[in-house]
């Protein structure tokens, strides 16, 4: 088979066409910033730093894509939420001052303009710069927060968990707002040139099967369908143990389901069927950071065995910043040495 560039490889694999090797798409953020000697505050807030870090990590370690991820506070911050920024770690929501601590604020809350000069705009500038510098060589992935994660950012995660019981209609109204905001942001990302949108919905792993099915799944489905209607592909990543929701996640219609290490790949394959592309899910700390390179490759081979041919090489979540470089190189080395 003729060799492919990275973008061609990922797109062909998603479409079920033959590829020269498996795509390699681990998540890196702090690792990428450290690789170029940048403060994480700058990585998260200056699109030029993020682009430099992502391109460097993709080039040095043989990844097939770059992404715009940095922290979950981007959309909420543009809405006016109180966000604490740190010198060398990701930004965090200040839950004690949650923007929607008073529920009535939701009725007055407006979706911010992604081109209005805030952090969403910074992400769009990164996409434009990726386009200029990559010229179609690697897949460009944008990012939005999923409905449960964004609702937790705006309302406060602990308060949201009570709202499911105390005020279910408010939760539905809030999720509607979050999906509408994500789609508006995604529309601008698609216009800027992304090939795929990643959806991070970390809080969804905390709710349990009944709340997930009743509240979260319908809005994740609305978001996934809306993203497809924009003409883009969808990668879903839910941090944590999603074992209880694997069958429902498989019904969302995502192009890629990115599984954390707590959710068994064998179960995901059995419940989602043979066609779903699965990514992951090597333990990012116990294996990727703390083991030897050969142990990382062994773990990847086990994931590949469980997932089968519809597999993308990656870790369960973000590769830790102090991971030995040889362990990060193990991802592309495995992809080059194995049959798709």
C-alpha atoms as a PDB file:
ATOM      1  CA  UNK A   1       0.000   0.000   0.000  1.00  0.00           C
ATOM      2  CA  UNK A   2       1.166   3.504  -0.788  1.00  0.00           C
ATOM      3  CA  UNK A   3       2.198   5.522   2.220  1.00  0.00           C
ATOM      4  CA  UNK A   4      -0.299   8.041   3.533  1.00  0.00           C
ATOM      5  CA  UNK A   5       0.136  11.280   5.348  1.00  0.00           C
ATOM      6  CA  UNK A   6      -1.343  11.483   8.828  1.00  0.00           C
ATOM      7  CA  UNK A   7      -4.587  13.217   7.905  1.00  0.00           C
ATOM      8  CA  UNK A   8      -5.260  10.804   5.060  1.00  0.00           C
ATOM      9  CA  UNK A   9      -4.584   7.871   7.395  1.00  0.00           C
ATOM     10  CA  UNK A  10      -7.061   8.960  10.060  1.00  0.00           C
ATOM     11  CA  UNK A  11      -9.810   9.847   7.606  1.00  0.00           C
ATOM     12  CA  UNK A  12      -9.412   6.587   5.679  1.00  0.00           C
ATOM     13  CA  UNK A  13      -9.525   4.587   8.905  1.00  0.00           C
ATOM     14  CA  UNK A  14     -12.688   6.329  10.061  1.00  0.00           C
ATOM     15  CA  UNK A  15     -14.314   5.582   6.712  1.00  0.00           C
ATOM     16  CA  UNK A  16     -13.348   1.906   6.895  1.00  0.00           C
ATOM     17  CA  UNK A  17     -10.881   2.089   4.014  1.00  0.00           C
ATOM     18  CA  UNK A  18      -7.493   0.325   4.104  1.00  0.00           C
ATOM     19  CA  UNK A  19      -4.655   2.135   5.863  1.00  0.00           C
ATOM     20  CA  UNK A  20      -0.899   1.611   5.931  1.00  0.00           C
ATOM     21  CA  UNK A  21      -0.905   1.502   9.744  1.00  0.00           C
ATOM     22  CA  UNK A  22      -3.154   2.315  12.668  1.00  0.00           C
ATOM     23  CA  UNK A  23      -3.584   6.026  13.468  1.00  0.00           C
ATOM     24  CA  UNK A  24      -1.911   7.370  16.616  1.00  0.00           C
ATOM     25  CA  UNK A  25      -3.928   9.958  18.581  1.00  0.00           C
ATOM     26  CA  UNK A  26      -3.001  10.242  22.276  1.00  0.00           C
ATOM     27  CA  UNK A  27      -4.044  13.343  24.225  1.00  0.00           C
ATOM     28  CA  UNK A  28      -1.194  15.638  25.246  1.00  0.00           C
ATOM     29  CA  UNK A  29      -1.478  19.062  26.828  1.00  0.00           C
ATOM     30  CA  UNK A  30       0.908  19.634  29.747  1.00  0.00           C
ATOM     31  CA  UNK A  31       3.392  17.250  28.112  1.00  0.00           C
ATOM     32  CA  UNK A  32       3.298  19.366  24.937  1.00  0.00           C
ATOM     33  CA  UNK A  33       3.801  22.608  26.862  1.00  0.00           C
ATOM     34  CA  UNK A  34       6.752  21.187  28.775  1.00  0.00           C
ATOM     35  CA  UNK A  35       8.287  19.859  25.549  1.00  0.00           C
ATOM     36  CA  UNK A  36       8.733  23.410  24.242  1.00  0.00           C
ATOM     37  CA  UNK A  37       9.591  24.907  27.635  1.00  0.00           C
ATOM     38  CA  UNK A  38       6.383  26.946  27.875  1.00  0.00           C
ATOM     39  CA  UNK A  39       4.395  27.922  30.948  1.00  0.00           C
ATOM     40  CA  UNK A  40       1.042  26.183  30.907  1.00  0.00           C
ATOM     41  CA  UNK A  41      -0.764  29.496  31.401  1.00  0.00           C
ATOM     42  CA  UNK A  42       0.703  30.609  28.070  1.00  0.00           C
ATOM     43  CA  UNK A  43      -0.107  27.302  26.379  1.00  0.00           C
ATOM     44  CA  UNK A  44      -3.757  27.661  27.382  1.00  0.00           C
ATOM     45  CA  UNK A  45      -4.142  31.341  26.534  1.00  0.00           C
ATOM     46  CA  UNK A  46      -1.812  32.058  23.599  1.00  0.00           C
ATOM     47  CA  UNK A  47      -2.749  30.161  20.447  1.00  0.00           C
ATOM     48  CA  UNK A  48       0.792  30.480  19.080  1.00  0.00           C
ATOM     49  CA  UNK A  49       2.234  28.603  22.046  1.00  0.00           C
ATOM     50  CA  UNK A  50      -0.394  25.853  21.825  1.00  0.00           C
ATOM     51  CA  UNK A  51       0.226  25.398  18.103  1.00  0.00           C
ATOM     52  CA  UNK A  52       3.990  25.200  18.624  1.00  0.00           C
ATOM     53  CA  UNK A  53       3.582  22.609  21.374  1.00  0.00           C
ATOM     54  CA  UNK A  54       1.119  20.451  19.466  1.00  0.00           C
ATOM     55  CA  UNK A  55       3.115  20.490  16.257  1.00  0.00           C
ATOM     56  CA  UNK A  56       6.308  19.661  18.101  1.00  0.00           C
ATOM     57  CA  UNK A  57       4.810  16.725  19.986  1.00  0.00           C
ATOM     58  CA  UNK A  58       3.162  15.379  16.826  1.00  0.00           C
ATOM     59  CA  UNK A  59       6.424  15.626  14.882  1.00  0.00           C
ATOM     60  CA  UNK A  60       8.729  14.277  17.584  1.00  0.00           C
ATOM     61  CA  UNK A  61       6.501  11.350  18.588  1.00  0.00           C
ATOM     62  CA  UNK A  62       4.790  10.392  15.340  1.00  0.00           C
ATOM     63  CA  UNK A  63       1.221  11.416  16.196  1.00  0.00           C
ATOM     64  CA  UNK A  64      -1.297  11.736  13.393  1.00  0.00           C
ATOM     65  CA  UNK A  65      -3.164  14.756  14.687  1.00  0.00           C
ATOM     66  CA  UNK A  66      -3.036  18.011  16.615  1.00  0.00           C
ATOM     67  CA  UNK A  67      -5.729  19.420  18.880  1.00  0.00           C
ATOM     68  CA  UNK A  68      -6.828  22.652  20.530  1.00  0.00           C
ATOM     69  CA  UNK A  69      -7.573  21.229  23.993  1.00  0.00           C
ATOM     70  CA  UNK A  70      -6.158  22.947  27.065  1.00  0.00           C
ATOM     71  CA  UNK A  71      -8.697  22.952  29.925  1.00  0.00           C
ATOM     72  CA  UNK A  72     -12.479  22.740  30.433  1.00  0.00           C
ATOM     73  CA  UNK A  73     -12.971  26.412  31.358  1.00  0.00           C
ATOM     74  CA  UNK A  74     -12.873  27.996  27.900  1.00  0.00           C
ATOM     75  CA  UNK A  75     -16.587  28.320  27.149  1.00  0.00           C
ATOM     76  CA  UNK A  76     -17.613  28.954  30.755  1.00  0.00           C
ATOM     77  CA  UNK A  77     -14.991  31.668  31.095  1.00  0.00           C
ATOM     78  CA  UNK A  78     -16.312  33.434  28.008  1.00  0.00           C
ATOM     79  CA  UNK A  79     -19.779  33.295  29.578  1.00  0.00           C
ATOM     80  CA  UNK A  80     -18.413  35.250  32.543  1.00  0.00           C
ATOM     81  CA  UNK A  81     -17.724  32.414  34.983  1.00  0.00           C
ATOM     82  CA  UNK A  82     -14.985  32.919  37.567  1.00  0.00           C
ATOM     83  CA  UNK A  83     -11.930  30.933  36.463  1.00  0.00           C
ATOM     84  CA  UNK A  84      -8.679  30.576  38.362  1.00  0.00           C
ATOM     85  CA  UNK A  85      -5.582  30.511  36.170  1.00  0.00           C
ATOM     86  CA  UNK A  86      -2.321  28.992  37.365  1.00  0.00           C
ATOM     87  CA  UNK A  87       1.238  29.526  36.259  1.00  0.00           C
ATOM     88  CA  UNK A  88       1.964  25.968  35.237  1.00  0.00           C
ATOM     89  CA  UNK A  89      -1.187  23.875  35.435  1.00  0.00           C
ATOM     90  CA  UNK A  90      -4.637  23.972  33.815  1.00  0.00           C
ATOM     91  CA  UNK A  91      -7.237  26.580  34.724  1.00  0.00           C
ATOM     92  CA  UNK A  92     -10.008  25.594  37.115  1.00  0.00           C
ATOM     93  CA  UNK A  93     -13.540  26.717  37.844  1.00  0.00           C
ATOM     94  CA  UNK A  94     -14.142  28.485  41.155  1.00  0.00           C
ATOM     95  CA  UNK A  95     -17.169  26.506  42.253  1.00  0.00           C
ATOM     96  CA  UNK A  96     -17.900  28.700  45.279  1.00  0.00           C
ATOM     97  CA  UNK A  97     -18.560  31.551  42.839  1.00  0.00           C
ATOM     98  CA  UNK A  98     -20.384  29.540  40.169  1.00  0.00           C
ATOM     99  CA  UNK A  99     -21.933  31.715  37.483  1.00  0.00           C
ATOM    100  CA  UNK A 100     -25.271  29.936  37.912  1.00  0.00           C
ATOM    101  CA  UNK A 101     -25.188  29.722  41.678  1.00  0.00           C
ATOM    102  CA  UNK A 102     -28.496  31.555  41.289  1.00  0.00           C
ATOM    103  CA  UNK A 103     -30.529  29.462  38.864  1.00  0.00           C
ATOM    104  CA  UNK A 104     -32.508  32.448  37.620  1.00  0.00           C
ATOM    105  CA  UNK A 105     -29.378  33.782  35.899  1.00  0.00           C
ATOM    106  CA  UNK A 106     -29.794  31.083  33.228  1.00  0.00           C
ATOM    107  CA  UNK A 107     -32.825  32.838  31.719  1.00  0.00           C
ATOM    108  CA  UNK A 108     -30.678  35.932  31.130  1.00  0.00           C
ATOM    109  CA  UNK A 109     -27.479  34.193  30.073  1.00  0.00           C
ATOM    110  CA  UNK A 110     -26.431  34.778  26.464  1.00  0.00           C
ATOM    111  CA  UNK A 111     -24.216  32.529  24.382  1.00  0.00           C
ATOM    112  CA  UNK A 112     -20.942  34.410  23.912  1.00  0.00           C
ATOM    113  CA  UNK A 113     -19.686  35.186  20.432  1.00  0.00           C
ATOM    114  CA  UNK A 114     -16.862  32.717  19.667  1.00  0.00           C
ATOM    115  CA  UNK A 115     -15.265  35.482  17.578  1.00  0.00           C
ATOM    116  CA  UNK A 116     -15.579  38.034  20.353  1.00  0.00           C
ATOM    117  CA  UNK A 117     -11.949  38.069  21.476  1.00  0.00           C
ATOM    118  CA  UNK A 118     -12.220  35.610  24.380  1.00  0.00           C
ATOM    119  CA  UNK A 119     -10.695  32.196  24.913  1.00  0.00           C
ATOM    120  CA  UNK A 120     -12.934  30.573  22.329  1.00  0.00           C
ATOM    121  CA  UNK A 121     -11.560  33.071  19.828  1.00  0.00           C
ATOM    122  CA  UNK A 122      -8.047  32.086  20.882  1.00  0.00           C
ATOM    123  CA  UNK A 123      -8.898  28.489  19.983  1.00  0.00           C
ATOM    124  CA  UNK A 124     -10.148  29.568  16.571  1.00  0.00           C
ATOM    125  CA  UNK A 125      -6.899  31.423  15.967  1.00  0.00           C
ATOM    126  CA  UNK A 126      -5.041  28.201  16.768  1.00  0.00           C
ATOM    127  CA  UNK A 127      -7.037  26.336  14.121  1.00  0.00           C
ATOM    128  CA  UNK A 128      -6.232  28.980  11.523  1.00  0.00           C
ATOM    129  CA  UNK A 129      -2.533  28.781  12.367  1.00  0.00           C
ATOM    130  CA  UNK A 130      -2.616  24.981  12.232  1.00  0.00           C
ATOM    131  CA  UNK A 131      -4.111  25.226   8.758  1.00  0.00           C
ATOM    132  CA  UNK A 132      -1.389  27.602   7.598  1.00  0.00           C
ATOM    133  CA  UNK A 133       1.463  25.505   8.979  1.00  0.00           C
ATOM    134  CA  UNK A 134       0.284  21.932   8.445  1.00  0.00           C
ATOM    135  CA  UNK A 135      -1.150  22.306   4.945  1.00  0.00           C
ATOM    136  CA  UNK A 136      -3.213  19.123   5.195  1.00  0.00           C
ATOM    137  CA  UNK A 137      -0.458  16.917   6.628  1.00  0.00           C
ATOM    138  CA  UNK A 138      -2.099  16.094   9.970  1.00  0.00           C
ATOM    139  CA  UNK A 139      -5.684  15.903  11.146  1.00  0.00           C
ATOM    140  CA  UNK A 140      -6.803  18.984  13.085  1.00  0.00           C
ATOM    141  CA  UNK A 141      -9.123  18.352  16.028  1.00  0.00           C
ATOM    142  CA  UNK A 142     -11.115  21.062  17.725  1.00  0.00           C
ATOM    143  CA  UNK A 143     -12.836  20.740  21.085  1.00  0.00           C
ATOM    144  CA  UNK A 144     -16.052  21.564  22.916  1.00  0.00           C
ATOM    145  CA  UNK A 145     -17.337  20.683  26.355  1.00  0.00           C
ATOM    146  CA  UNK A 146     -20.187  18.189  26.511  1.00  0.00           C
ATOM    147  CA  UNK A 147     -23.536  19.059  28.121  1.00  0.00           C
ATOM    148  CA  UNK A 148     -22.912  17.540  31.545  1.00  0.00           C
ATOM    149  CA  UNK A 149     -19.360  18.880  31.834  1.00  0.00           C
ATOM    150  CA  UNK A 150     -20.336  22.388  30.747  1.00  0.00           C
ATOM    151  CA  UNK A 151     -23.361  22.412  33.037  1.00  0.00           C
ATOM    152  CA  UNK A 152     -21.075  21.460  35.923  1.00  0.00           C
ATOM    153  CA  UNK A 153     -18.723  24.303  35.019  1.00  0.00           C
ATOM    154  CA  UNK A 154     -21.535  26.852  35.022  1.00  0.00           C
ATOM    155  CA  UNK A 155     -23.570  25.596  37.959  1.00  0.00           C
ATOM    156  CA  UNK A 156     -20.920  23.891  40.119  1.00  0.00           C
ATOM    157  CA  UNK A 157     -20.516  20.141  39.922  1.00  0.00           C
ATOM    158  CA  UNK A 158     -21.789  19.362  43.415  1.00  0.00           C
ATOM    159  CA  UNK A 159     -24.855  21.563  43.021  1.00  0.00           C
ATOM    160  CA  UNK A 160     -25.624  20.059  39.614  1.00  0.00           C
ATOM    161  CA  UNK A 161     -25.678  16.576  41.106  1.00  0.00           C
ATOM    162  CA  UNK A 162     -28.428  17.705  43.503  1.00  0.00           C
ATOM    163  CA  UNK A 163     -30.307  19.469  40.708  1.00  0.00           C
ATOM    164  CA  UNK A 164     -30.961  16.154  38.963  1.00  0.00           C
ATOM    165  CA  UNK A 165     -33.270  15.349  41.879  1.00  0.00           C
ATOM    166  CA  UNK A 166     -34.344  18.792  43.067  1.00  0.00           C
ATOM    167  CA  UNK A 167     -35.066  20.553  39.769  1.00  0.00           C
ATOM    168  CA  UNK A 168     -34.912  18.269  36.726  1.00  0.00           C
ATOM    169  CA  UNK A 169     -36.477  20.866  34.421  1.00  0.00           C
ATOM    170  CA  UNK A 170     -33.726  23.334  35.255  1.00  0.00           C
ATOM    171  CA  UNK A 171     -31.145  20.679  34.355  1.00  0.00           C
ATOM    172  CA  UNK A 172     -32.810  20.135  30.994  1.00  0.00           C
ATOM    173  CA  UNK A 173     -32.915  23.875  30.315  1.00  0.00           C
ATOM    174  CA  UNK A 174     -29.259  24.170  31.283  1.00  0.00           C
ATOM    175  CA  UNK A 175     -28.273  21.257  29.052  1.00  0.00           C
ATOM    176  CA  UNK A 176     -30.150  22.879  26.154  1.00  0.00           C
ATOM    177  CA  UNK A 177     -28.101  26.033  26.659  1.00  0.00           C
ATOM    178  CA  UNK A 178     -24.862  24.045  26.829  1.00  0.00           C
ATOM    179  CA  UNK A 179     -25.577  22.147  23.616  1.00  0.00           C
ATOM    180  CA  UNK A 180     -26.540  25.343  21.786  1.00  0.00           C
ATOM    181  CA  UNK A 181     -23.322  27.024  22.945  1.00  0.00           C
ATOM    182  CA  UNK A 182     -21.190  24.023  21.955  1.00  0.00           C
ATOM    183  CA  UNK A 183     -22.726  23.941  18.483  1.00  0.00           C
ATOM    184  CA  UNK A 184     -22.200  27.658  17.950  1.00  0.00           C
ATOM    185  CA  UNK A 185     -18.558  27.308  18.961  1.00  0.00           C
ATOM    186  CA  UNK A 186     -18.190  24.180  16.829  1.00  0.00           C
ATOM    187  CA  UNK A 187     -19.647  25.913  13.780  1.00  0.00           C
ATOM    188  CA  UNK A 188     -16.861  28.474  13.896  1.00  0.00           C
ATOM    189  CA  UNK A 189     -14.265  25.748  14.392  1.00  0.00           C
ATOM    190  CA  UNK A 190     -15.539  23.903  11.328  1.00  0.00           C
ATOM    191  CA  UNK A 191     -15.424  27.132   9.346  1.00  0.00           C
ATOM    192  CA  UNK A 192     -11.824  27.631  10.511  1.00  0.00           C
ATOM    193  CA  UNK A 193     -10.859  24.211   9.193  1.00  0.00           C
ATOM    194  CA  UNK A 194     -11.042  21.422  11.790  1.00  0.00           C
ATOM    195  CA  UNK A 195     -11.500  17.854  10.573  1.00  0.00           C
ATOM    196  CA  UNK A 196     -12.983  16.593  13.821  1.00  0.00           C
ATOM    197  CA  UNK A 197     -14.486  17.968  17.023  1.00  0.00           C
ATOM    198  CA  UNK A 198     -13.598  16.334  20.316  1.00  0.00           C
ATOM    199  CA  UNK A 199     -16.312  16.393  22.965  1.00  0.00           C
ATOM    200  CA  UNK A 200     -15.200  16.228  26.580  1.00  0.00           C
ATOM    201  CA  UNK A 201     -17.976  15.282  28.990  1.00  0.00           C
ATOM    202  CA  UNK A 202     -16.062  14.243  32.099  1.00  0.00           C
ATOM    203  CA  UNK A 203     -18.862  14.865  34.607  1.00  0.00           C
ATOM    204  CA  UNK A 204     -21.033  12.310  32.813  1.00  0.00           C
ATOM    205  CA  UNK A 205     -19.045   9.482  34.396  1.00  0.00           C
ATOM    206  CA  UNK A 206     -20.254  10.550  37.854  1.00  0.00           C
ATOM    207  CA  UNK A 207     -24.021  10.307  37.464  1.00  0.00           C
ATOM    208  CA  UNK A 208     -24.883   6.599  37.284  1.00  0.00           C
ATOM    209  CA  UNK A 209     -26.831   4.682  34.644  1.00  0.00           C
ATOM    210  CA  UNK A 210     -30.362   5.989  35.252  1.00  0.00           C
ATOM    211  CA  UNK A 211     -29.470   9.680  35.303  1.00  0.00           C
ATOM    212  CA  UNK A 212     -27.146   9.193  32.337  1.00  0.00           C
ATOM    213  CA  UNK A 213     -29.898   7.591  30.259  1.00  0.00           C
ATOM    214  CA  UNK A 214     -32.640  10.035  31.286  1.00  0.00           C
ATOM    215  CA  UNK A 215     -30.731  13.314  31.343  1.00  0.00           C
ATOM    216  CA  UNK A 216     -27.282  13.141  29.781  1.00  0.00           C
ATOM    217  CA  UNK A 217     -27.620  10.799  26.819  1.00  0.00           C
ATOM    218  CA  UNK A 218     -30.391  12.738  25.017  1.00  0.00           C
ATOM    219  CA  UNK A 219     -28.299  15.921  25.051  1.00  0.00           C
ATOM    220  CA  UNK A 220     -25.066  14.185  24.084  1.00  0.00           C
ATOM    221  CA  UNK A 221     -27.033  12.680  21.191  1.00  0.00           C
ATOM    222  CA  UNK A 222     -28.369  16.108  20.223  1.00  0.00           C
ATOM    223  CA  UNK A 223     -24.812  17.475  20.272  1.00  0.00           C
ATOM    224  CA  UNK A 224     -23.355  14.593  18.244  1.00  0.00           C
ATOM    225  CA  UNK A 225     -26.115  14.851  15.648  1.00  0.00           C
ATOM    226  CA  UNK A 226     -25.662  18.619  15.504  1.00  0.00           C
ATOM    227  CA  UNK A 227     -21.928  18.266  14.962  1.00  0.00           C
ATOM    228  CA  UNK A 228     -22.499  15.809  12.138  1.00  0.00           C
ATOM    229  CA  UNK A 229     -24.977  18.244  10.599  1.00  0.00           C
ATOM    230  CA  UNK A 230     -22.154  20.804  10.564  1.00  0.00           C
ATOM    231  CA  UNK A 231     -20.152  18.389   8.413  1.00  0.00           C
ATOM    232  CA  UNK A 232     -17.558  17.346  10.961  1.00  0.00           C
ATOM    233  CA  UNK A 233     -16.547  14.131  12.704  1.00  0.00           C
ATOM    234  CA  UNK A 234     -16.953  13.516  16.433  1.00  0.00           C
ATOM    235  CA  UNK A 235     -14.597  12.071  19.033  1.00  0.00           C
ATOM    236  CA  UNK A 236     -16.184  11.585  22.465  1.00  0.00           C
ATOM    237  CA  UNK A 237     -13.992  11.447  25.566  1.00  0.00           C
ATOM    238  CA  UNK A 238     -15.515  10.936  29.012  1.00  0.00           C
ATOM    239  CA  UNK A 239     -12.919  10.788  31.770  1.00  0.00           C
ATOM    240  CA  UNK A 240     -13.483   8.137  34.414  1.00  0.00           C
ATOM    241  CA  UNK A 241     -15.418   4.877  34.625  1.00  0.00           C
ATOM    242  CA  UNK A 242     -18.093   4.782  31.921  1.00  0.00           C
ATOM    243  CA  UNK A 243     -18.638   1.040  32.152  1.00  0.00           C
ATOM    244  CA  UNK A 244     -22.274   1.577  33.173  1.00  0.00           C
ATOM    245  CA  UNK A 245     -22.974   3.602  30.030  1.00  0.00           C
ATOM    246  CA  UNK A 246     -21.048   1.780  27.308  1.00  0.00           C
ATOM    247  CA  UNK A 247     -24.095   0.455  25.465  1.00  0.00           C
ATOM    248  CA  UNK A 248     -25.722   3.887  25.418  1.00  0.00           C
ATOM    249  CA  UNK A 249     -22.492   5.588  24.359  1.00  0.00           C
ATOM    250  CA  UNK A 250     -22.366   3.169  21.456  1.00  0.00           C
ATOM    251  CA  UNK A 251     -25.789   4.468  20.333  1.00  0.00           C
ATOM    252  CA  UNK A 252     -24.606   8.077  20.079  1.00  0.00           C
ATOM    253  CA  UNK A 253     -23.158   7.610  16.602  1.00  0.00           C
ATOM    254  CA  UNK A 254     -19.707   9.051  17.385  1.00  0.00           C
ATOM    255  CA  UNK A 255     -16.985   8.530  14.815  1.00  0.00           C
ATOM    256  CA  UNK A 256     -14.538   7.758  17.627  1.00  0.00           C
ATOM    257  CA  UNK A 257     -15.229   6.702  21.202  1.00  0.00           C
ATOM    258  CA  UNK A 258     -12.182   7.501  23.324  1.00  0.00           C
ATOM    259  CA  UNK A 259     -12.239   5.304  26.442  1.00  0.00           C
ATOM    260  CA  UNK A 260     -10.542   5.978  29.749  1.00  0.00           C
ATOM    261  CA  UNK A 261      -8.605   3.103  31.296  1.00  0.00           C
ATOM    262  CA  UNK A 262     -11.379   2.294  33.797  1.00  0.00           C
ATOM    263  CA  UNK A 263     -13.759   1.193  31.028  1.00  0.00           C
ATOM    264  CA  UNK A 264     -12.799  -2.234  29.598  1.00  0.00           C
ATOM    265  CA  UNK A 265     -12.242  -2.214  25.854  1.00  0.00           C
ATOM    266  CA  UNK A 266     -13.483  -5.791  25.496  1.00  0.00           C
ATOM    267  CA  UNK A 267     -16.826  -4.823  27.022  1.00  0.00           C
ATOM    268  CA  UNK A 268     -17.014  -1.710  24.865  1.00  0.00           C
ATOM    269  CA  UNK A 269     -16.478  -3.765  21.727  1.00  0.00           C
ATOM    270  CA  UNK A 270     -19.085  -6.311  22.730  1.00  0.00           C
ATOM    271  CA  UNK A 271     -21.671  -3.661  23.573  1.00  0.00           C
ATOM    272  CA  UNK A 272     -20.965  -1.216  20.746  1.00  0.00           C
ATOM    273  CA  UNK A 273     -20.599  -3.715  17.939  1.00  0.00           C
ATOM    274  CA  UNK A 274     -17.842  -4.277  15.368  1.00  0.00           C
ATOM    275  CA  UNK A 275     -18.156  -0.979  13.499  1.00  0.00           C
ATOM    276  CA  UNK A 276     -17.477   1.534  16.257  1.00  0.00           C
ATOM    277  CA  UNK A 277     -13.948   2.998  16.187  1.00  0.00           C
ATOM    278  CA  UNK A 278     -12.460   2.760  19.681  1.00  0.00           C
ATOM    279  CA  UNK A 279      -9.475   4.721  20.968  1.00  0.00           C
ATOM    280  CA  UNK A 280      -7.393   4.080  24.079  1.00  0.00           C
ATOM    281  CA  UNK A 281      -7.290   2.938  26.716  1.00  0.00           C
ATOM    282  CA  UNK A 282      -3.896   2.210  28.303  1.00  0.00           C
ATOM    283  CA  UNK A 283      -3.671   3.471  31.891  1.00  0.00           C
ATOM    284  CA  UNK A 284      -1.886   6.829  31.530  1.00  0.00           C
ATOM    285  CA  UNK A 285      -0.186   6.708  34.930  1.00  0.00           C
ATOM    286  CA  UNK A 286       0.383   3.072  35.902  1.00  0.00           C
ATOM    287  CA  UNK A 287       1.455   2.001  32.415  1.00  0.00           C
ATOM    288  CA  UNK A 288       2.331   5.025  30.270  1.00  0.00           C
ATOM    289  CA  UNK A 289       4.133   7.079  32.919  1.00  0.00           C
ATOM    290  CA  UNK A 290       5.407   4.482  35.380  1.00  0.00           C
ATOM    291  CA  UNK A 291       6.277   1.433  33.263  1.00  0.00           C
ATOM    292  CA  UNK A 292       8.914   0.606  30.656  1.00  0.00           C
ATOM    293  CA  UNK A 293       8.542   1.178  26.930  1.00  0.00           C
ATOM    294  CA  UNK A 294       8.097  -2.538  26.223  1.00  0.00           C
ATOM    295  CA  UNK A 295       5.326  -2.698  28.834  1.00  0.00           C
ATOM    296  CA  UNK A 296       3.547   0.205  27.138  1.00  0.00           C
ATOM    297  CA  UNK A 297       3.703  -1.653  23.832  1.00  0.00           C
ATOM    298  CA  UNK A 298       2.435  -4.848  25.447  1.00  0.00           C
ATOM    299  CA  UNK A 299      -0.507  -2.958  26.923  1.00  0.00           C
ATOM    300  CA  UNK A 300      -1.259  -1.379  23.530  1.00  0.00           C
ATOM    301  CA  UNK A 301      -1.210  -4.799  21.907  1.00  0.00           C
ATOM    302  CA  UNK A 302      -3.731  -6.020  24.468  1.00  0.00           C
ATOM    303  CA  UNK A 303      -5.998  -3.044  23.757  1.00  0.00           C
ATOM    304  CA  UNK A 304      -5.681  -3.665  20.034  1.00  0.00           C
ATOM    305  CA  UNK A 305      -6.562  -7.325  20.530  1.00  0.00           C
ATOM    306  CA  UNK A 306      -9.749  -6.455  22.412  1.00  0.00           C
ATOM    307  CA  UNK A 307     -10.768  -3.628  20.086  1.00  0.00           C
ATOM    308  CA  UNK A 308      -9.949  -5.362  16.807  1.00  0.00           C
ATOM    309  CA  UNK A 309      -9.281  -3.607  13.524  1.00  0.00           C
ATOM    310  CA  UNK A 310     -11.483  -0.577  14.288  1.00  0.00           C
ATOM    311  CA  UNK A 311      -8.936   0.801  16.719  1.00  0.00           C
ATOM    312  CA  UNK A 312      -6.870   3.982  17.147  1.00  0.00           C
ATOM    313  CA  UNK A 313      -3.722   3.906  19.266  1.00  0.00           C
ATOM    314  CA  UNK A 314      -3.917   6.096  22.365  1.00  0.00           C
ATOM    315  CA  UNK A 315      -3.901   6.277  26.135  1.00  0.00           C
ATOM    316  CA  UNK A 316      -6.885   6.271  28.477  1.00  0.00           C
ATOM    317  CA  UNK A 317      -6.622  10.017  29.069  1.00  0.00           C
ATOM    318  CA  UNK A 318      -4.016  12.786  28.915  1.00  0.00           C
ATOM    319  CA  UNK A 319      -0.407  11.594  28.880  1.00  0.00           C
ATOM    320  CA  UNK A 320       1.141  12.911  32.124  1.00  0.00           C
ATOM    321  CA  UNK A 321       3.619  15.724  31.729  1.00  0.00           C
ATOM    322  CA  UNK A 322       6.571  13.843  33.248  1.00  0.00           C
ATOM    323  CA  UNK A 323       6.174  10.672  31.169  1.00  0.00           C
ATOM    324  CA  UNK A 324       9.518   9.351  29.853  1.00  0.00           C
ATOM    325  CA  UNK A 325       9.863  10.285  26.165  1.00  0.00           C
ATOM    326  CA  UNK A 326      10.619   6.696  25.176  1.00  0.00           C
ATOM    327  CA  UNK A 327       7.245   5.645  26.569  1.00  0.00           C
ATOM    328  CA  UNK A 328       5.496   8.265  24.447  1.00  0.00           C
ATOM    329  CA  UNK A 329       7.398   7.081  21.382  1.00  0.00           C
ATOM    330  CA  UNK A 330       6.071   3.589  22.095  1.00  0.00           C
ATOM    331  CA  UNK A 331       2.644   4.569  20.707  1.00  0.00           C
ATOM    332  CA  UNK A 332       3.839   5.244  17.163  1.00  0.00           C
ATOM    333  CA  UNK A 333       6.346   2.398  17.368  1.00  0.00           C
ATOM    334  CA  UNK A 334       3.506   0.014  18.146  1.00  0.00           C
ATOM    335  CA  UNK A 335       1.406   1.358  15.285  1.00  0.00           C
ATOM    336  CA  UNK A 336       4.272   0.944  12.812  1.00  0.00           C
ATOM    337  CA  UNK A 337       5.043  -2.607  13.921  1.00  0.00           C
ATOM    338  CA  UNK A 338       1.505  -4.035  13.990  1.00  0.00           C
ATOM    339  CA  UNK A 339      -1.011  -4.896  11.309  1.00  0.00           C
ATOM    340  CA  UNK A 340      -3.998  -2.521  11.080  1.00  0.00           C
END
